[in-house]
C-alpha atoms as a PDB file:
ATOM      1  CA  LEU A   1     -87.886 -43.856  13.505  1.00  0.00           C
ATOM      2  CA  ASN A   2     -85.336 -42.330  16.446  1.00  0.00           C
ATOM      3  CA  LYS A   3     -81.829 -42.584  16.979  1.00  0.00           C
ATOM      4  CA  LYS A   4     -80.848 -46.111  18.910  1.00  0.00           C
ATOM      5  CA  GLN A   5     -82.881 -47.286  15.977  1.00  0.00           C
ATOM      6  CA  ILE A   6     -79.733 -45.972  13.264  1.00  0.00           C
ATOM      7  CA  GLN A   7     -77.979 -47.016  16.052  1.00  0.00           C
ATOM      8  CA  THR A   8     -78.532 -50.653  16.309  1.00  0.00           C
ATOM      9  CA  ILE A   9     -78.678 -50.573  12.497  1.00  0.00           C
ATOM     10  CA  LEU A  10     -75.381 -49.409  11.661  1.00  0.00           C
ATOM     11  CA  SER A  11     -73.320 -51.410  14.690  1.00  0.00           C
ATOM     12  CA  SER A  12     -74.482 -54.755  13.073  1.00  0.00           C
ATOM     13  CA  LYS A  13     -72.911 -53.336   9.819  1.00  0.00           C
ATOM     14  CA  GLY A  14     -70.162 -52.720  11.508  1.00  0.00           C
ATOM     15  CA  PHE A  15     -69.658 -49.527  12.480  1.00  0.00           C
ATOM     16  CA  ASN A  16     -68.423 -47.329  15.121  1.00  0.00           C
ATOM     17  CA  GLU A  17     -70.021 -44.534  16.662  1.00  0.00           C
ATOM     18  CA  HIS A  18     -67.948 -41.397  17.644  1.00  0.00           C
ATOM     19  CA  TYR A  19     -68.666 -38.956  19.369  1.00  0.00           C
ATOM     20  CA  SER A  20     -66.549 -35.494  18.299  1.00  0.00           C
ATOM     21  CA  ASN A  21     -66.428 -31.317  19.616  1.00  0.00           C
ATOM     22  CA  SER A  22     -69.852 -29.272  18.431  1.00  0.00           C
ATOM     23  CA  LEU A  23     -67.656 -26.450  17.920  1.00  0.00           C
ATOM     24  CA  TYR A  24     -65.284 -25.581  14.887  1.00  0.00           C
ATOM     25  CA  ASN A  25     -62.540 -22.569  13.833  1.00  0.00           C
ATOM     26  CA  HIS A  26     -63.776 -20.915  10.611  1.00  0.00           C
ATOM     27  CA  SER A  27     -62.185 -22.652   8.524  1.00  0.00           C
ATOM     28  CA  GLN A  28     -64.000 -26.223   9.462  1.00  0.00           C
ATOM     29  CA  THR A  29     -66.540 -25.011   8.725  1.00  0.00           C
ATOM     30  CA  THR A  30     -66.184 -24.092   5.188  1.00  0.00           C
ATOM     31  CA  HIS A  31     -65.116 -28.010   4.207  1.00  0.00           C
ATOM     32  CA  PHE A  32     -68.739 -29.694   3.978  1.00  0.00           C
ATOM     33  CA  SER A  33     -71.137 -26.571   3.817  1.00  0.00           C
ATOM     34  CA  HIS A  34     -71.710 -22.849   2.606  1.00  0.00           C
ATOM     35  CA  LEU A  35     -74.100 -22.041   5.164  1.00  0.00           C
ATOM     36  CA  PRO A  36     -73.176 -19.774   7.748  1.00  0.00           C
ATOM     37  CA  THR A  37     -73.071 -20.901  11.336  1.00  0.00           C
ATOM     38  CA  LEU A  38     -72.931 -19.003  14.587  1.00  0.00           C
ATOM     39  CA  GLU A  39     -70.210 -17.690  16.631  1.00  0.00           C
ATOM     40  CA  ILE A  40     -69.369 -18.039  20.361  1.00  0.00           C
ATOM     41  CA  ILE A  41     -69.082 -14.776  21.844  1.00  0.00           C
ATOM     42  CA  ASN A  42     -67.177 -15.302  24.704  1.00  0.00           C
ATOM     43  CA  GLU A  43     -64.696 -18.882  23.097  1.00  0.00           C
ATOM     44  CA  SER A  44     -62.046 -20.533  24.979  1.00  0.00           C
ATOM     45  CA  SER A  45     -59.562 -20.154  21.548  1.00  0.00           C
ATOM     46  CA  VAL A  46     -60.023 -18.928  18.109  1.00  0.00           C
ATOM     47  CA  GLU A  47     -60.325 -23.483  17.176  1.00  0.00           C
ATOM     48  CA  MET A  48     -63.659 -24.017  18.993  1.00  0.00           C
ATOM     49  CA  LYS A  49     -65.319 -20.168  17.912  1.00  0.00           C
ATOM     50  CA  PHE A  50     -68.245 -21.412  15.808  1.00  0.00           C
ATOM     51  CA  LEU A  51     -71.098 -24.055  16.203  1.00  0.00           C
ATOM     52  CA  ARG A  52     -70.341 -27.551  13.816  1.00  0.00           C
ATOM     53  CA  ASN A  53     -72.632 -27.327  10.290  1.00  0.00           C
ATOM     54  CA  SER A  54     -71.435 -29.965   9.406  1.00  0.00           C
ATOM     55  CA  LEU A  55     -70.383 -33.655  11.054  1.00  0.00           C
ATOM     56  CA  LEU A  56     -67.723 -35.058   8.930  1.00  0.00           C
ATOM     57  CA  PRO A  57     -65.114 -32.742  10.625  1.00  0.00           C
ATOM     58  CA  GLY A  58     -65.267 -34.098  13.549  1.00  0.00           C
ATOM     59  CA  LEU A  59     -64.860 -37.458  11.836  1.00  0.00           C
ATOM     60  CA  LEU A  60     -62.145 -37.205   9.234  1.00  0.00           C
ATOM     61  CA  LYS A  61     -60.071 -35.873  12.839  1.00  0.00           C
ATOM     62  CA  ALA A  62     -60.606 -39.318  13.958  1.00  0.00           C
ATOM     63  CA  THR A  63     -59.820 -40.612  10.999  1.00  0.00           C
ATOM     64  CA  ALA A  64     -56.046 -39.156  10.934  1.00  0.00           C
ATOM     65  CA  PHE A  65     -56.048 -39.908  14.529  1.00  0.00           C
ATOM     66  CA  ASN A  66     -56.258 -44.091  13.976  1.00  0.00           C
ATOM     67  CA  GLU A  67     -54.717 -43.821  10.522  1.00  0.00           C
ATOM     68  CA  LYS A  68     -51.666 -42.766  12.388  1.00  0.00           C
ATOM     69  CA  ARG A  69     -52.084 -46.027  15.233  1.00  0.00           C
ATOM     70  CA  ASN A  70     -52.000 -48.222  12.118  1.00  0.00           C
ATOM     71  CA  GLN A  71     -55.473 -48.854  12.451  1.00  0.00           C
ATOM     72  CA  ASN A  72     -56.370 -50.229   8.598  1.00  0.00           C
ATOM     73  CA  ILE A  73     -59.521 -50.708   7.868  1.00  0.00           C
ATOM     74  CA  PHE A  74     -62.694 -49.734   9.976  1.00  0.00           C
ATOM     75  CA  LYS A  75     -65.962 -47.490   9.346  1.00  0.00           C
ATOM     76  CA  LEU A  76     -67.104 -44.511  12.477  1.00  0.00           C
ATOM     77  CA  PHE A  77     -70.760 -42.655  12.369  1.00  0.00           C
ATOM     78  CA  GLU A  78     -71.714 -39.956  14.171  1.00  0.00           C
ATOM     79  CA  ILE A  79     -75.226 -38.694  15.182  1.00  0.00           C
ATOM     80  CA  GLY A  80     -75.662 -34.815  16.447  1.00  0.00           C
ATOM     81  CA  SER A  81     -77.021 -31.922  15.934  1.00  0.00           C
ATOM     82  CA  ILE A  82     -75.280 -28.902  13.126  1.00  0.00           C
ATOM     83  CA  HIS A  83     -76.164 -25.187  13.412  1.00  0.00           C
ATOM     84  CA  HIS A  84     -77.176 -22.809  10.537  1.00  0.00           C
ATOM     85  CA  LEU A  85     -77.116 -19.185  11.066  1.00  0.00           C
ATOM     86  CA  ILE A  86     -80.713 -17.534   9.589  1.00  0.00           C
ATOM     87  CA  LYS A  87     -80.765 -13.548   9.258  1.00  0.00           C
ATOM     88  CA  ASN A  88     -83.869 -11.336   8.432  1.00  0.00           C
ATOM     89  CA  SER A  89     -85.587  -8.561   9.668  1.00  0.00           C
ATOM     90  CA  LYS A  90     -86.404  -9.956  12.912  1.00  0.00           C
ATOM     91  CA  GLY A  91     -82.388 -10.639  13.833  1.00  0.00           C
ATOM     92  CA  ASP A  92     -80.298 -14.112  13.455  1.00  0.00           C
ATOM     93  CA  LYS A  93     -81.844 -17.024  14.258  1.00  0.00           C
ATOM     94  CA  ASN A  94     -80.065 -20.759  15.334  1.00  0.00           C
ATOM     95  CA  ASN A  95     -81.888 -23.032  12.566  1.00  0.00           C
ATOM     96  CA  GLN A  96     -79.923 -26.705  14.482  1.00  0.00           C
ATOM     97  CA  LYS A  97     -81.689 -29.928  12.716  1.00  0.00           C
ATOM     98  CA  THR A  98     -80.137 -33.817  13.556  1.00  0.00           C
ATOM     99  CA  ASN A  99     -77.415 -35.043  10.370  1.00  0.00           C
ATOM    100  CA  LEU A 100     -76.406 -38.635  10.529  1.00  0.00           C
ATOM    101  CA  ALA A 101     -72.289 -38.874   8.824  1.00  0.00           C
ATOM    102  CA  MET A 102     -70.615 -41.659   8.365  1.00  0.00           C
ATOM    103  CA  ILE A 103     -67.393 -42.640   7.272  1.00  0.00           C
ATOM    104  CA  TRP A 104     -65.616 -45.635   4.793  1.00  0.00           C
ATOM    105  CA  PHE A 105     -61.578 -45.970   5.691  1.00  0.00           C
ATOM    106  CA  GLY A 106     -59.077 -48.403   4.498  1.00  0.00           C
ATOM    107  CA  LYS A 107     -58.899 -52.028   3.036  1.00  0.00           C
ATOM    108  CA  ASN A 108     -58.309 -55.785   4.394  1.00  0.00           C
ATOM    109  CA  ASP A 109     -55.054 -56.789   3.169  1.00  0.00           C
ATOM    110  CA  GLN A 110     -55.024 -59.501   5.246  1.00  0.00           C
ATOM    111  CA  HIS A 111     -56.256 -62.051   2.791  1.00  0.00           C
ATOM    112  CA  TRP A 112     -54.269 -64.892   1.136  1.00  0.00           C
ATOM    113  CA  LYS A 113     -56.543 -64.572  -2.316  1.00  0.00           C
ATOM    114  CA  GLN A 114     -57.473 -60.774  -2.830  1.00  0.00           C
ATOM    115  CA  GLN A 115     -57.348 -57.365  -1.082  1.00  0.00           C
ATOM    116  CA  PHE A 116     -61.106 -56.318   0.105  1.00  0.00           C
ATOM    117  CA  GLU A 117     -61.753 -52.177  -0.415  1.00  0.00           C
ATOM    118  CA  GLN A 118     -64.348 -50.299   1.413  1.00  0.00           C
ATOM    119  CA  ASP A 119     -64.632 -48.342  -2.253  1.00  0.00           C
ATOM    120  CA  ILE A 120     -67.216 -45.581  -3.394  1.00  0.00           C
ATOM    121  CA  PHE A 121     -69.125 -48.791  -4.414  1.00  0.00           C
ATOM    122  CA  TYR A 122     -68.983 -50.638  -1.608  1.00  0.00           C
ATOM    123  CA  ALA A 123     -69.704 -47.595   0.591  1.00  0.00           C
ATOM    124  CA  LYS A 124     -72.758 -46.623  -1.814  1.00  0.00           C
ATOM    125  CA  GLY A 125     -74.753 -50.467  -1.232  1.00  0.00           C
ATOM    126  CA  GLU A 126     -74.257 -50.036   2.322  1.00  0.00           C
ATOM    127  CA  VAL A 127     -76.321 -46.687   2.221  1.00  0.00           C
ATOM    128  CA  TYR A 128     -78.876 -47.787   0.314  1.00  0.00           C
ATOM    129  CA  SER A 129     -78.776 -50.849   2.383  1.00  0.00           C
ATOM    130  CA  ILE A 130     -79.414 -48.545   5.578  1.00  0.00           C
ATOM    131  CA  LEU A 131     -81.875 -46.767   3.793  1.00  0.00           C
ATOM    132  CA  GLU A 132     -84.200 -50.055   2.550  1.00  0.00           C
ATOM    133  CA  ILE A 133     -84.183 -51.222   6.201  1.00  0.00           C
ATOM    134  CA  LEU A 134     -85.439 -48.310   7.686  1.00  0.00           C
ATOM    135  CA  LYS A 135     -88.287 -49.027   4.932  1.00  0.00           C
ATOM    136  CA  MET A 136     -87.742 -45.984   2.956  1.00  0.00           C
ATOM    137  CA  GLU A 137     -89.288 -45.605  -0.189  1.00  0.00           C
ATOM    138  CA  ASN A 138     -87.658 -44.485  -4.003  1.00  0.00           C
ATOM    139  CA  ILE A 139     -84.255 -44.308  -3.298  1.00  0.00           C
ATOM    140  CA  ASN A 140     -81.687 -42.798  -5.815  1.00  0.00           C
ATOM    141  CA  PHE A 141     -78.370 -41.431  -5.898  1.00  0.00           C
ATOM    142  CA  LYS A 142     -77.830 -39.146  -9.097  1.00  0.00           C
ATOM    143  CA  ILE A 143     -74.015 -38.215  -9.892  1.00  0.00           C
ATOM    144  CA  HIS A 144     -73.359 -34.444  -8.853  1.00  0.00           C
ATOM    145  CA  SER A 145     -70.098 -32.312  -8.816  1.00  0.00           C
ATOM    146  CA  TYR A 146     -68.951 -31.467  -5.403  1.00  0.00           C
ATOM    147  CA  ASP A 147     -66.029 -29.548  -4.643  1.00  0.00           C
ATOM    148  CA  PHE A 148     -65.131 -31.383  -1.593  1.00  0.00           C
ATOM    149  CA  LEU A 149     -65.269 -34.872  -3.018  1.00  0.00           C
ATOM    150  CA  LYS A 150     -63.670 -35.843  -6.148  1.00  0.00           C
ATOM    151  CA  ASP A 151     -66.759 -38.593  -7.174  1.00  0.00           C
ATOM    152  CA  GLY A 152     -69.999 -37.128  -5.737  1.00  0.00           C
ATOM    153  CA  PHE A 153     -73.273 -38.235  -5.044  1.00  0.00           C
ATOM    154  CA  SER A 154     -77.063 -36.545  -4.087  1.00  0.00           C
ATOM    155  CA  ILE A 155     -79.148 -38.728  -2.409  1.00  0.00           C
ATOM    156  CA  PHE A 156     -82.767 -38.950  -3.186  1.00  0.00           C
ATOM    157  CA  LEU A 157     -85.706 -40.535  -1.775  1.00  0.00           C
ATOM    158  CA  GLY A 158     -88.043 -39.465  -4.876  1.00  0.00           C
ATOM    159  CA  LYS A 159     -87.428 -35.789  -5.910  1.00  0.00           C
ATOM    160  CA  ILE A 160     -86.276 -34.935  -1.726  1.00  0.00           C
ATOM    161  CA  LYS A 161     -82.446 -34.760  -1.504  1.00  0.00           C
ATOM    162  CA  ILE A 162     -81.562 -36.041   2.204  1.00  0.00           C
ATOM    163  CA  GLY A 163     -77.693 -35.829   1.475  1.00  0.00           C
ATOM    164  CA  PHE A 164     -74.166 -36.929   0.117  1.00  0.00           C
ATOM    165  CA  LEU A 165     -72.281 -39.583  -0.639  1.00  0.00           C
ATOM    166  CA  GLY A 166     -68.409 -39.162  -2.407  1.00  0.00           C
ATOM    167  CA  THR A 167     -65.325 -39.662  -1.713  1.00  0.00           C
ATOM    168  CA  LEU A 168     -62.931 -36.887   0.425  1.00  0.00           C
ATOM    169  CA  ASN A 169     -61.099 -34.819  -2.241  1.00  0.00           C
ATOM    170  CA  ASP A 170     -57.020 -34.956  -2.852  1.00  0.00           C
ATOM    171  CA  SER A 171     -57.191 -31.883  -0.626  1.00  0.00           C
ATOM    172  CA  LEU A 172     -58.737 -32.309   2.264  1.00  0.00           C
ATOM    173  CA  LYS A 173     -57.372 -34.914   2.506  1.00  0.00           C
ATOM    174  CA  ASN A 174     -54.009 -33.806   2.687  1.00  0.00           C
ATOM    175  CA  LEU A 175     -55.824 -31.186   5.071  1.00  0.00           C
ATOM    176  CA  TYR A 176     -57.256 -33.493   7.291  1.00  0.00           C
ATOM    177  CA  ASP A 177     -53.518 -35.366   6.991  1.00  0.00           C
ATOM    178  CA  ILE A 178     -55.369 -38.336   6.101  1.00  0.00           C
ATOM    179  CA  LYS A 179     -53.129 -40.667   3.300  1.00  0.00           C
ATOM    180  CA  GLN A 180     -55.431 -42.940   1.753  1.00  0.00           C
ATOM    181  CA  ASP A 181     -58.655 -42.875   0.165  1.00  0.00           C
ATOM    182  CA  ILE A 182     -61.527 -42.336   2.658  1.00  0.00           C
ATOM    183  CA  SER A 183     -65.552 -42.261   1.692  1.00  0.00           C
ATOM    184  CA  VAL A 184     -68.054 -39.946   3.274  1.00  0.00           C
ATOM    185  CA  CYS A 185     -71.874 -39.466   4.106  1.00  0.00           C
ATOM    186  CA  GLU A 186     -73.874 -37.111   5.260  1.00  0.00           C
ATOM    187  CA  ILE A 187     -77.538 -37.682   5.965  1.00  0.00           C
ATOM    188  CA  SER A 188     -80.213 -35.176   7.008  1.00  0.00           C
ATOM    189  CA  LEU A 189     -82.428 -36.963   9.883  1.00  0.00           C
ATOM    190  CA  ASN A 190     -84.913 -34.500   9.592  1.00  0.00           C
ATOM    191  CA  LEU A 191     -85.987 -35.165   6.162  1.00  0.00           C
ATOM    192  CA  LEU A 192     -85.585 -39.150   6.762  1.00  0.00           C
ATOM    193  CA  LYS A 193     -88.451 -38.497  10.123  1.00  0.00           C
ATOM    194  CA  ASP A 194     -90.554 -36.570   7.884  1.00  0.00           C
ATOM    195  CA  LYS A 195     -90.438 -39.792   4.123  1.00  0.00           C
ATOM    196  CA  CYS A 196     -90.539 -42.562   7.250  1.00  0.00           C
ATOM    197  CA  LYS A 197     -93.635 -44.414   6.931  1.00  0.00           C
ATOM    198  CA  LEU A 198     -96.075 -45.795  10.225  1.00  0.00           C
ATOM    199  CA  ILE A 199     -93.867 -50.059   9.385  1.00  0.00           C
ATOM    200  CA  SER A 200     -97.023 -52.955   8.537  1.00  0.00           C
ATOM    201  CA  TYR A 201     -96.500 -56.442   7.823  1.00  0.00           C
ATOM    202  CA  LYS A 202     -98.390 -59.188   5.422  1.00  0.00           C
ATOM    203  CA  GLU A 203     -98.016 -62.639   4.987  1.00  0.00           C
ATOM    204  CA  PRO A 204     -94.709 -63.886   3.531  1.00  0.00           C
ATOM    205  CA  PRO A 205     -96.127 -64.740  -0.253  1.00  0.00           C
ATOM    206  CA  GLN A 206     -96.966 -68.280  -0.579  1.00  0.00           C
ATOM    207  CA  TYR A 207     -95.432 -68.674  -4.204  1.00  0.00           C
ATOM    208  CA  PRO A 208     -92.624 -68.867  -5.909  1.00  0.00           C
ATOM    209  CA  SER A 209     -90.804 -66.195  -7.456  1.00  0.00           C
ATOM    210  CA  VAL A 210     -89.739 -65.905 -11.510  1.00  0.00           C
ATOM    211  CA  LYS A 211     -86.088 -65.052 -11.999  1.00  0.00           C
ATOM    212  CA  ARG A 212     -84.997 -63.783 -15.518  1.00  0.00           C
ATOM    213  CA  ASP A 213     -82.022 -62.564 -17.024  1.00  0.00           C
ATOM    214  CA  LEU A 214     -81.666 -59.607 -19.620  1.00  0.00           C
ATOM    215  CA  SER A 215     -78.608 -58.444 -21.646  1.00  0.00           C
ATOM    216  CA  LEU A 216     -78.220 -54.657 -23.360  1.00  0.00           C
ATOM    217  CA  LEU A 217     -76.085 -53.307 -25.464  1.00  0.00           C
ATOM    218  CA  ILE A 218     -77.257 -49.581 -24.187  1.00  0.00           C
ATOM    219  CA  SER A 219     -74.823 -45.592 -24.983  1.00  0.00           C
ATOM    220  CA  LYS A 220     -72.279 -45.126 -22.077  1.00  0.00           C
ATOM    221  CA  SER A 221     -74.587 -42.119 -21.727  1.00  0.00           C
ATOM    222  CA  PHE A 222     -77.021 -44.268 -19.760  1.00  0.00           C
ATOM    223  CA  PHE A 223     -76.831 -44.270 -15.473  1.00  0.00           C
ATOM    224  CA  GLY A 224     -77.801 -47.437 -14.410  1.00  0.00           C
ATOM    225  CA  GLN A 225     -80.536 -46.045 -12.077  1.00  0.00           C
ATOM    226  CA  ASP A 226     -81.825 -44.590 -15.403  1.00  0.00           C
ATOM    227  CA  ILE A 227     -82.602 -48.906 -16.739  1.00  0.00           C
ATOM    228  CA  ILE A 228     -83.847 -49.570 -13.176  1.00  0.00           C
ATOM    229  CA  ASP A 229     -86.852 -46.854 -13.571  1.00  0.00           C
ATOM    230  CA  TYR A 230     -87.314 -47.023 -16.920  1.00  0.00           C
ATOM    231  CA  ILE A 231     -87.744 -51.233 -16.616  1.00  0.00           C
ATOM    232  CA  PHE A 232     -90.214 -50.844 -13.328  1.00  0.00           C
ATOM    233  CA  ASN A 233     -92.395 -47.593 -15.250  1.00  0.00           C
ATOM    234  CA  GLN A 234     -93.761 -50.319 -17.827  1.00  0.00           C
ATOM    235  CA  ASN A 235     -94.405 -53.314 -15.706  1.00  0.00           C
ATOM    236  CA  ASP A 236     -96.525 -53.845 -13.517  1.00  0.00           C
ATOM    237  CA  ALA A 237     -97.227 -54.950  -9.580  1.00  0.00           C
ATOM    238  CA  LEU A 238     -96.306 -58.163 -10.523  1.00  0.00           C
ATOM    239  CA  LEU A 239     -91.808 -57.466 -10.991  1.00  0.00           C
ATOM    240  CA  ILE A 240     -91.119 -57.040  -7.236  1.00  0.00           C
ATOM    241  CA  ASN A 241     -87.349 -56.314  -8.333  1.00  0.00           C
ATOM    242  CA  VAL A 242     -84.442 -55.260 -10.686  1.00  0.00           C
ATOM    243  CA  ASN A 243     -80.357 -56.419 -10.120  1.00  0.00           C
ATOM    244  CA  ILE A 244     -77.997 -55.070 -11.996  1.00  0.00           C
ATOM    245  CA  PHE A 245     -75.146 -57.497 -12.247  1.00  0.00           C
ATOM    246  CA  ASP A 246     -72.627 -56.999 -14.113  1.00  0.00           C
ATOM    247  CA  VAL A 247     -70.883 -54.118 -16.607  1.00  0.00           C
ATOM    248  CA  TYR A 248     -68.648 -54.694 -19.060  1.00  0.00           C
ATOM    249  CA  GLN A 249     -66.841 -51.547 -21.513  1.00  0.00           C
ATOM    250  CA  GLY A 250     -63.844 -53.036 -23.235  1.00  0.00           C
ATOM    251  CA  ASP A 251     -62.465 -54.041 -27.570  1.00  0.00           C
ATOM    252  CA  LYS A 252     -64.841 -56.623 -27.851  1.00  0.00           C
ATOM    253  CA  ILE A 253     -67.609 -53.735 -27.041  1.00  0.00           C
ATOM    254  CA  GLU A 254     -68.585 -51.404 -29.854  1.00  0.00           C
ATOM    255  CA  GLU A 255     -67.077 -47.903 -29.327  1.00  0.00           C
ATOM    256  CA  GLY A 256     -69.428 -45.615 -27.226  1.00  0.00           C
ATOM    257  CA  LYS A 257     -71.112 -48.461 -25.542  1.00  0.00           C
ATOM    258  CA  LYS A 258     -71.475 -50.895 -22.771  1.00  0.00           C
ATOM    259  CA  SER A 259     -72.859 -54.218 -22.221  1.00  0.00           C
ATOM    260  CA  ILE A 260     -74.699 -54.095 -19.018  1.00  0.00           C
ATOM    261  CA  SER A 261     -76.474 -57.483 -17.106  1.00  0.00           C
ATOM    262  CA  ILE A 262     -80.002 -57.352 -15.534  1.00  0.00           C
ATOM    263  CA  SER A 263     -81.897 -60.047 -13.542  1.00  0.00           C
ATOM    264  CA  LEU A 264     -85.708 -59.642 -12.796  1.00  0.00           C
ATOM    265  CA  HIS A 265     -87.581 -61.382 -10.638  1.00  0.00           C
ATOM    266  CA  TYR A 266     -91.329 -61.561 -10.716  1.00  0.00           C
ATOM    267  CA  GLN A 267     -94.103 -62.781  -7.898  1.00  0.00           C
ATOM    268  CA  SER A 268     -97.200 -62.928  -7.610  1.00  0.00           C
ATOM    269  CA  PRO A 269     -99.354 -63.273  -4.118  1.00  0.00           C
ATOM    270  CA  GLU A 270    -102.111 -65.070  -5.377  1.00  0.00           C
ATOM    271  CA  LYS A 271    -100.968 -67.500  -7.690  1.00  0.00           C
ATOM    272  CA  THR A 272     -97.811 -69.200  -9.198  1.00  0.00           C
ATOM    273  CA  LEU A 273     -97.230 -67.436 -12.409  1.00  0.00           C
ATOM    274  CA  ILE A 274     -96.389 -69.523 -15.599  1.00  0.00           C
ATOM    275  CA  ASP A 275     -93.236 -68.996 -18.348  1.00  0.00           C
ATOM    276  CA  LYS A 276     -95.882 -66.895 -20.904  1.00  0.00           C
ATOM    277  CA  GLU A 277     -97.066 -64.590 -18.462  1.00  0.00           C
ATOM    278  CA  VAL A 278     -93.094 -63.532 -17.194  1.00  0.00           C
ATOM    279  CA  ASP A 279     -92.569 -63.660 -21.169  1.00  0.00           C
ATOM    280  CA  ASP A 280     -95.036 -61.917 -22.194  1.00  0.00           C
ATOM    281  CA  ARG A 281     -93.680 -59.385 -19.677  1.00  0.00           C
ATOM    282  CA  LEU A 282     -90.496 -58.648 -20.776  1.00  0.00           C
ATOM    283  CA  SER A 283     -91.924 -58.594 -24.867  1.00  0.00           C
ATOM    284  CA  ASP A 284     -93.408 -55.463 -23.414  1.00  0.00           C
ATOM    285  CA  LEU A 285     -89.845 -53.618 -22.485  1.00  0.00           C
END
């Protein structure tokens, strides 16, 4: 896993790379991290006095710049170092790490039929896709409250939290002079490297997959990821993919409930599965 790989993946998805100044003012160091950072001794100005502890302020300033110039839809990313101050009995120490930050801005209103908006759900799908391309395993998004986000998720690989994703709150939008909603994400590349495995290849399966669709009426308190995890835990290795393709809540559904439709794909590397083998597995759910 290296910077070039990530740059190539993001560029192929329509992101533009941004480079911002690594020095911030004190206020900017409090927007996305509560950890202290290092102060420059001979600073050139109060606006460039502290080493950055997040990449997002630079991306947000670039977003405001582009919005004022009537750029209605774009995606930006930056890969760079962030800094945290560690205090101990031996003196202050700079903890330097490498992060990836991304923003999704705007919507395309030029289509004659419908608008395309880069909302939080679109951003969540892209982050998942990027991590899948990097061969990361056990990707999970857990709803989490962040004081700088309206709709926030923590991003996990297994039990390791690697970053966050969400919609920037109105207070910071106003502070950075951004009018439209914007989705933001920041991920630790150091933690990604720790989870990175050597990529191996295997022969594509020779036998067809079998698809089954399920519709469930469940409590609104259940999250989609909980349902997917449960289904995988109740199945064996023949279940290769689970996908939620529809969620409905409305007048025709009992109060406190929602209808969720799920597709399941089964495949064997050794033979063509017969209906009974698949149906037996479904009946065990």
